[in-house]
C-alpha cells in the first residue's frame, strides 16, 4: 500500500465534482440569505476551478 501523503492538487482533482457541488450549495444558501455578492464570490471560485480543469483536459496543440 502506498504510504505517501497525497498532494492538495491531487485530492482537489479527485474530488473536484464534490467541491464544485459544495460551492454551489454554499452559493444557493447565500442567495437565500440575500447575500448576493458573497454567492457570486463562491460561484466565481467554482468557475475558476472548472475552467482550470477544462484547460487541463484539452489536448495540447
PDB file of N, CA and C in Angstrom:
ATOM      1  N   UNK A   1       0.839  -1.186   0.000  1.00  0.00           N
ATOM      2  CA  UNK A   1       0.000   0.000   0.000  1.00  0.00           C
ATOM      3  C   UNK A   1       0.883   1.248   0.000  1.00  0.00           C
ATOM      4  N   UNK A   2       0.480   2.234  -0.744  1.00  0.00           N
ATOM      5  CA  UNK A   2       1.251   3.475  -0.865  1.00  0.00           C
ATOM      6  C   UNK A   2       1.055   4.325   0.396  1.00  0.00           C
ATOM      7  N   UNK A   3       2.136   4.626   1.089  1.00  0.00           N
ATOM      8  CA  UNK A   3       2.074   5.378   2.340  1.00  0.00           C
ATOM      9  C   UNK A   3       2.371   6.868   2.172  1.00  0.00           C
ATOM     10  N   UNK A   4       2.646   7.312   0.932  1.00  0.00           N
ATOM     11  CA  UNK A   4       2.949   8.716   0.711  1.00  0.00           C
ATOM     12  C   UNK A   4       1.690   9.559   0.886  1.00  0.00           C
ATOM     13  N   UNK A   5       1.815  10.723   1.530  1.00  0.00           N
ATOM     14  CA  UNK A   5       0.630  11.593   1.644  1.00  0.00           C
ATOM     15  C   UNK A   5       0.257  12.141   0.274  1.00  0.00           C
ATOM     16  N   UNK A   6      -1.031  12.282   0.045  1.00  0.00           N
ATOM     17  CA  UNK A   6      -1.495  12.816  -1.225  1.00  0.00           C
ATOM     18  C   UNK A   6      -1.344  14.328  -1.232  1.00  0.00           C
ATOM     19  N   UNK A   7      -1.144  14.879  -2.426  1.00  0.00           N
ATOM     20  CA  UNK A   7      -0.997  16.328  -2.537  1.00  0.00           C
ATOM     21  C   UNK A   7      -2.375  16.990  -2.539  1.00  0.00           C
ATOM     22  N   UNK A   8      -2.393  18.254  -2.187  1.00  0.00           N
ATOM     23  CA  UNK A   8      -3.631  19.028  -2.229  1.00  0.00           C
ATOM     24  C   UNK A   8      -4.176  19.048  -3.656  1.00  0.00           C
ATOM     25  N   UNK A   9      -3.298  19.241  -4.614  1.00  0.00           N
ATOM     26  CA  UNK A   9      -3.727  19.284  -6.021  1.00  0.00           C
ATOM     27  C   UNK A   9      -4.337  17.954  -6.443  1.00  0.00           C
ATOM     28  N   UNK A  10      -3.726  16.872  -6.037  1.00  0.00           N
ATOM     29  CA  UNK A  10      -4.247  15.556  -6.391  1.00  0.00           C
ATOM     30  C   UNK A  10      -5.608  15.295  -5.779  1.00  0.00           C
ATOM     31  N   UNK A  11      -5.762  15.654  -4.520  1.00  0.00           N
ATOM     32  CA  UNK A  11      -7.048  15.471  -3.854  1.00  0.00           C
ATOM     33  C   UNK A  11      -8.114  16.376  -4.455  1.00  0.00           C
ATOM     34  N   UNK A  12      -7.744  17.620  -4.759  1.00  0.00           N
ATOM     35  CA  UNK A  12      -8.700  18.551  -5.361  1.00  0.00           C
ATOM     36  C   UNK A  12      -9.156  18.038  -6.724  1.00  0.00           C
ATOM     37  N   UNK A  13      -8.240  17.478  -7.491  1.00  0.00           N
ATOM     38  CA  UNK A  13      -8.602  16.938  -8.802  1.00  0.00           C
ATOM     39  C   UNK A  13      -9.526  15.733  -8.645  1.00  0.00           C
ATOM     40  N   UNK A  14      -9.218  14.871  -7.694  1.00  0.00           N
ATOM     41  CA  UNK A  14     -10.022  13.678  -7.455  1.00  0.00           C
ATOM     42  C   UNK A  14     -11.446  14.036  -7.035  1.00  0.00           C
ATOM     43  N   UNK A  15     -11.586  15.034  -6.185  1.00  0.00           N
ATOM     44  CA  UNK A  15     -12.884  15.401  -5.626  1.00  0.00           C
ATOM     45  C   UNK A  15     -13.450  16.688  -6.210  1.00  0.00           C
ATOM     46  N   UNK A  16     -13.010  17.075  -7.395  1.00  0.00           N
ATOM     47  CA  UNK A  16     -13.439  18.349  -7.969  1.00  0.00           C
ATOM     48  C   UNK A  16     -14.950  18.451  -8.102  1.00  0.00           C
ATOM     49  N   UNK A  17     -15.589  17.418  -8.551  1.00  0.00           N
ATOM     50  CA  UNK A  17     -17.050  17.445  -8.682  1.00  0.00           C
ATOM     51  C   UNK A  17     -17.735  17.722  -7.352  1.00  0.00           C
ATOM     52  N   UNK A  18     -17.266  17.072  -6.310  1.00  0.00           N
ATOM     53  CA  UNK A  18     -17.825  17.285  -4.975  1.00  0.00           C
ATOM     54  C   UNK A  18     -17.574  18.709  -4.488  1.00  0.00           C
ATOM     55  N   UNK A  19     -16.401  19.220  -4.767  1.00  0.00           N
ATOM     56  CA  UNK A  19     -16.049  20.589  -4.359  1.00  0.00           C
ATOM     57  C   UNK A  19     -16.930  21.596  -5.080  1.00  0.00           C
ATOM     58  N   UNK A  20     -17.117  21.401  -6.390  1.00  0.00           N
ATOM     59  CA  UNK A  20     -17.974  22.312  -7.156  1.00  0.00           C
ATOM     60  C   UNK A  20     -19.411  22.266  -6.653  1.00  0.00           C
ATOM     61  N   UNK A  21     -19.886  21.077  -6.326  1.00  0.00           N
ATOM     62  CA  UNK A  21     -21.239  20.922  -5.792  1.00  0.00           C
ATOM     63  C   UNK A  21     -21.382  21.658  -4.459  1.00  0.00           C
ATOM     64  N   UNK A  22     -20.409  21.492  -3.588  1.00  0.00           N
ATOM     65  CA  UNK A  22     -20.454  22.149  -2.285  1.00  0.00           C
ATOM     66  C   UNK A  22     -20.394  23.671  -2.422  1.00  0.00           C
ATOM     67  N   UNK A  23     -19.593  24.159  -3.356  1.00  0.00           N
ATOM     68  CA  UNK A  23     -19.527  25.599  -3.586  1.00  0.00           C
ATOM     69  C   UNK A  23     -20.870  26.140  -4.079  1.00  0.00           C
ATOM     70  N   UNK A  24     -21.542  25.382  -4.942  1.00  0.00           N
ATOM     71  CA  UNK A  24     -22.855  25.820  -5.427  1.00  0.00           C
ATOM     72  C   UNK A  24     -23.892  25.783  -4.309  1.00  0.00           C
ATOM     73  N   UNK A  25     -23.837  24.768  -3.453  1.00  0.00           N
ATOM     74  CA  UNK A  25     -24.754  24.735  -2.306  1.00  0.00           C
ATOM     75  C   UNK A  25     -24.538  25.943  -1.398  1.00  0.00           C
ATOM     76  N   UNK A  26     -23.287  26.295  -1.186  1.00  0.00           N
ATOM     77  CA  UNK A  26     -22.983  27.479  -0.379  1.00  0.00           C
ATOM     78  C   UNK A  26     -23.535  28.727  -1.049  1.00  0.00           C
ATOM     79  N   UNK A  27     -23.365  28.821  -2.362  1.00  0.00           N
ATOM     80  CA  UNK A  27     -23.865  29.990  -3.090  1.00  0.00           C
ATOM     81  C   UNK A  27     -25.386  30.063  -3.024  1.00  0.00           C
ATOM     82  N   UNK A  28     -26.063  28.934  -3.167  1.00  0.00           N
ATOM     83  CA  UNK A  28     -27.523  28.926  -3.079  1.00  0.00           C
ATOM     84  C   UNK A  28     -27.997  29.377  -1.698  1.00  0.00           C
ATOM     85  N   UNK A  29     -27.323  28.906  -0.675  1.00  0.00           N
ATOM     86  CA  UNK A  29     -27.664  29.315   0.688  1.00  0.00           C
ATOM     87  C   UNK A  29     -27.463  30.819   0.875  1.00  0.00           C
ATOM     88  N   UNK A  30     -26.379  31.324   0.341  1.00  0.00           N
ATOM     89  CA  UNK A  30     -26.112  32.760   0.443  1.00  0.00           C
ATOM     90  C   UNK A  30     -27.140  33.568  -0.351  1.00  0.00           C
ATOM     91  N   UNK A  31     -27.568  33.052  -1.500  1.00  0.00           N
ATOM     92  CA  UNK A  31     -28.635  33.708  -2.258  1.00  0.00           C
ATOM     93  C   UNK A  31     -29.903  33.825  -1.422  1.00  0.00           C
ATOM     94  N   UNK A  32     -30.254  32.738  -0.728  1.00  0.00           N
ATOM     95  CA  UNK A  32     -31.451  32.734   0.122  1.00  0.00           C
ATOM     96  C   UNK A  32     -31.342  33.758   1.252  1.00  0.00           C
ATOM     97  N   UNK A  33     -30.123  34.020   1.699  1.00  0.00           N
ATOM     98  CA  UNK A  33     -29.883  34.999   2.762  1.00  0.00           C
ATOM     99  C   UNK A  33     -29.728  36.417   2.212  1.00  0.00           C
ATOM    100  N   UNK A  34     -29.965  36.570   0.906  1.00  0.00           N
ATOM    101  CA  UNK A  34     -29.840  37.867   0.220  1.00  0.00           C
ATOM    102  C   UNK A  34     -28.405  38.406   0.279  1.00  0.00           C
ATOM    103  N   UNK A  35     -27.442  37.496   0.285  1.00  0.00           N
ATOM    104  CA  UNK A  35     -26.018  37.862   0.259  1.00  0.00           C
ATOM    105  C   UNK A  35     -25.487  37.558  -1.136  1.00  0.00           C
ATOM    106  N   UNK A  36     -25.994  38.318  -2.093  1.00  0.00           N
ATOM    107  CA  UNK A  36     -25.700  38.043  -3.497  1.00  0.00           C
ATOM    108  C   UNK A  36     -24.223  38.204  -3.846  1.00  0.00           C
ATOM    109  N   UNK A  37     -23.559  39.175  -3.275  1.00  0.00           N
ATOM    110  CA  UNK A  37     -22.133  39.364  -3.556  1.00  0.00           C
ATOM    111  C   UNK A  37     -21.316  38.181  -3.051  1.00  0.00           C
ATOM    112  N   UNK A  38     -21.671  37.673  -1.880  1.00  0.00           N
ATOM    113  CA  UNK A  38     -20.966  36.508  -1.341  1.00  0.00           C
ATOM    114  C   UNK A  38     -21.221  35.273  -2.197  1.00  0.00           C
ATOM    115  N   UNK A  39     -22.457  35.103  -2.646  1.00  0.00           N
ATOM    116  CA  UNK A  39     -22.797  33.974  -3.517  1.00  0.00           C
ATOM    117  C   UNK A  39     -22.002  34.058  -4.815  1.00  0.00           C
ATOM    118  N   UNK A  40     -21.916  35.243  -5.367  1.00  0.00           N
ATOM    119  CA  UNK A  40     -21.153  35.425  -6.608  1.00  0.00           C
ATOM    120  C   UNK A  40     -19.681  35.086  -6.401  1.00  0.00           C
ATOM    121  N   UNK A  41     -19.150  35.414  -5.240  1.00  0.00           N
ATOM    122  CA  UNK A  41     -17.751  35.098  -4.928  1.00  0.00           C
ATOM    123  C   UNK A  41     -17.508  33.593  -4.990  1.00  0.00           C
ATOM    124  N   UNK A  42     -18.388  32.802  -4.353  1.00  0.00           N
ATOM    125  CA  UNK A  42     -18.218  31.353  -4.351  1.00  0.00           C
ATOM    126  C   UNK A  42     -18.440  30.761  -5.734  1.00  0.00           C
ATOM    127  N   UNK A  43     -19.352  31.326  -6.495  1.00  0.00           N
ATOM    128  CA  UNK A  43     -19.553  30.852  -7.866  1.00  0.00           C
ATOM    129  C   UNK A  43     -18.337  31.182  -8.736  1.00  0.00           C
ATOM    130  N   UNK A  44     -17.706  32.302  -8.473  1.00  0.00           N
ATOM    131  CA  UNK A  44     -16.500  32.663  -9.230  1.00  0.00           C
ATOM    132  C   UNK A  44     -15.368  31.681  -8.929  1.00  0.00           C
ATOM    133  N   UNK A  45     -15.239  31.274  -7.683  1.00  0.00           N
ATOM    134  CA  UNK A  45     -14.235  30.268  -7.326  1.00  0.00           C
ATOM    135  C   UNK A  45     -14.521  28.970  -8.080  1.00  0.00           C
ATOM    136  N   UNK A  46     -15.780  28.541  -8.070  1.00  0.00           N
ATOM    137  CA  UNK A  46     -16.160  27.309  -8.764  1.00  0.00           C
ATOM    138  C   UNK A  46     -15.874  27.418 -10.255  1.00  0.00           C
ATOM    139  N   UNK A  47     -16.181  28.569 -10.836  1.00  0.00           N
ATOM    140  CA  UNK A  47     -15.945  28.769 -12.271  1.00  0.00           C
ATOM    141  C   UNK A  47     -14.457  28.680 -12.592  1.00  0.00           C
ATOM    142  N   UNK A  48     -13.617  29.285 -11.742  1.00  0.00           N
ATOM    143  CA  UNK A  48     -12.169  29.239 -11.970  1.00  0.00           C
ATOM    144  C   UNK A  48     -11.655  27.796 -11.876  1.00  0.00           C
ATOM    145  N   UNK A  49     -12.141  27.047 -10.899  1.00  0.00           N
ATOM    146  CA  UNK A  49     -11.728  25.645 -10.769  1.00  0.00           C
ATOM    147  C   UNK A  49     -12.167  24.826 -11.979  1.00  0.00           C
ATOM    148  N   UNK A  50     -13.406  25.019 -12.412  1.00  0.00           N
ATOM    149  CA  UNK A  50     -13.917  24.275 -13.563  1.00  0.00           C
ATOM    150  C   UNK A  50     -13.157  24.653 -14.833  1.00  0.00           C
ATOM    151  N   UNK A  51     -12.880  25.934 -15.004  1.00  0.00           N
ATOM    152  CA  UNK A  51     -12.117  26.380 -16.179  1.00  0.00           C
ATOM    153  C   UNK A  51     -10.708  25.799 -16.160  1.00  0.00           C
ATOM    154  N   UNK A  52     -10.085  25.777 -15.000  1.00  0.00           N
ATOM    155  CA  UNK A  52      -8.733  25.230 -14.892  1.00  0.00           C
ATOM    156  C   UNK A  52      -8.740  23.742 -15.234  1.00  0.00           C
ATOM    157  N   UNK A  53      -9.741  23.035 -14.781  1.00  0.00           N
ATOM    158  CA  UNK A  53      -9.838  21.603 -15.103  1.00  0.00           C
ATOM    159  C   UNK A  53     -10.082  21.415 -16.600  1.00  0.00           C
ATOM    160  N   UNK A  54     -10.914  22.252 -17.173  1.00  0.00           N
ATOM    161  CA  UNK A  54     -11.161  22.167 -18.610  1.00  0.00           C
ATOM    162  C   UNK A  54      -9.916  22.434 -19.423  1.00  0.00           C
ATOM    163  N   UNK A  55      -9.101  23.354 -18.961  1.00  0.00           N
ATOM    164  CA  UNK A  55      -7.844  23.657 -19.659  1.00  0.00           C
ATOM    165  C   UNK A  55      -6.875  22.487 -19.588  1.00  0.00           C
ATOM    166  N   UNK A  56      -6.867  21.783 -18.459  1.00  0.00           N
ATOM    167  CA  UNK A  56      -6.000  20.607 -18.316  1.00  0.00           C
ATOM    168  C   UNK A  56      -6.453  19.480 -19.223  1.00  0.00           C
ATOM    169  N   UNK A  57      -7.752  19.340 -19.394  1.00  0.00           N
ATOM    170  CA  UNK A  57      -8.308  18.214 -20.139  1.00  0.00           C
ATOM    171  C   UNK A  57      -8.153  18.364 -21.639  1.00  0.00           C
ATOM    172  N   UNK A  58      -7.983  19.600 -22.125  1.00  0.00           N
ATOM    173  CA  UNK A  58      -7.844  19.822 -23.564  1.00  0.00           C
ATOM    174  C   UNK A  58      -6.483  19.340 -24.051  1.00  0.00           C
ATOM    175  N   UNK A  59      -6.470  18.626 -25.177  1.00  0.00           N
ATOM    176  CA  UNK A  59      -5.176  18.190 -25.708  1.00  0.00           C
ATOM    177  C   UNK A  59      -4.353  19.385 -26.186  1.00  0.00           C
ATOM    178  N   UNK A  60      -3.058  19.285 -26.026  1.00  0.00           N
ATOM    179  CA  UNK A  60      -2.157  20.350 -26.461  1.00  0.00           C
ATOM    180  C   UNK A  60      -2.125  20.414 -27.984  1.00  0.00           C
ATOM    181  N   UNK A  61      -2.016  21.623 -28.509  1.00  0.00           N
ATOM    182  CA  UNK A  61      -1.985  21.799 -29.967  1.00  0.00           C
ATOM    183  C   UNK A  61      -0.600  21.533 -30.512  1.00  0.00           C
TER     184      UNK A  61
END
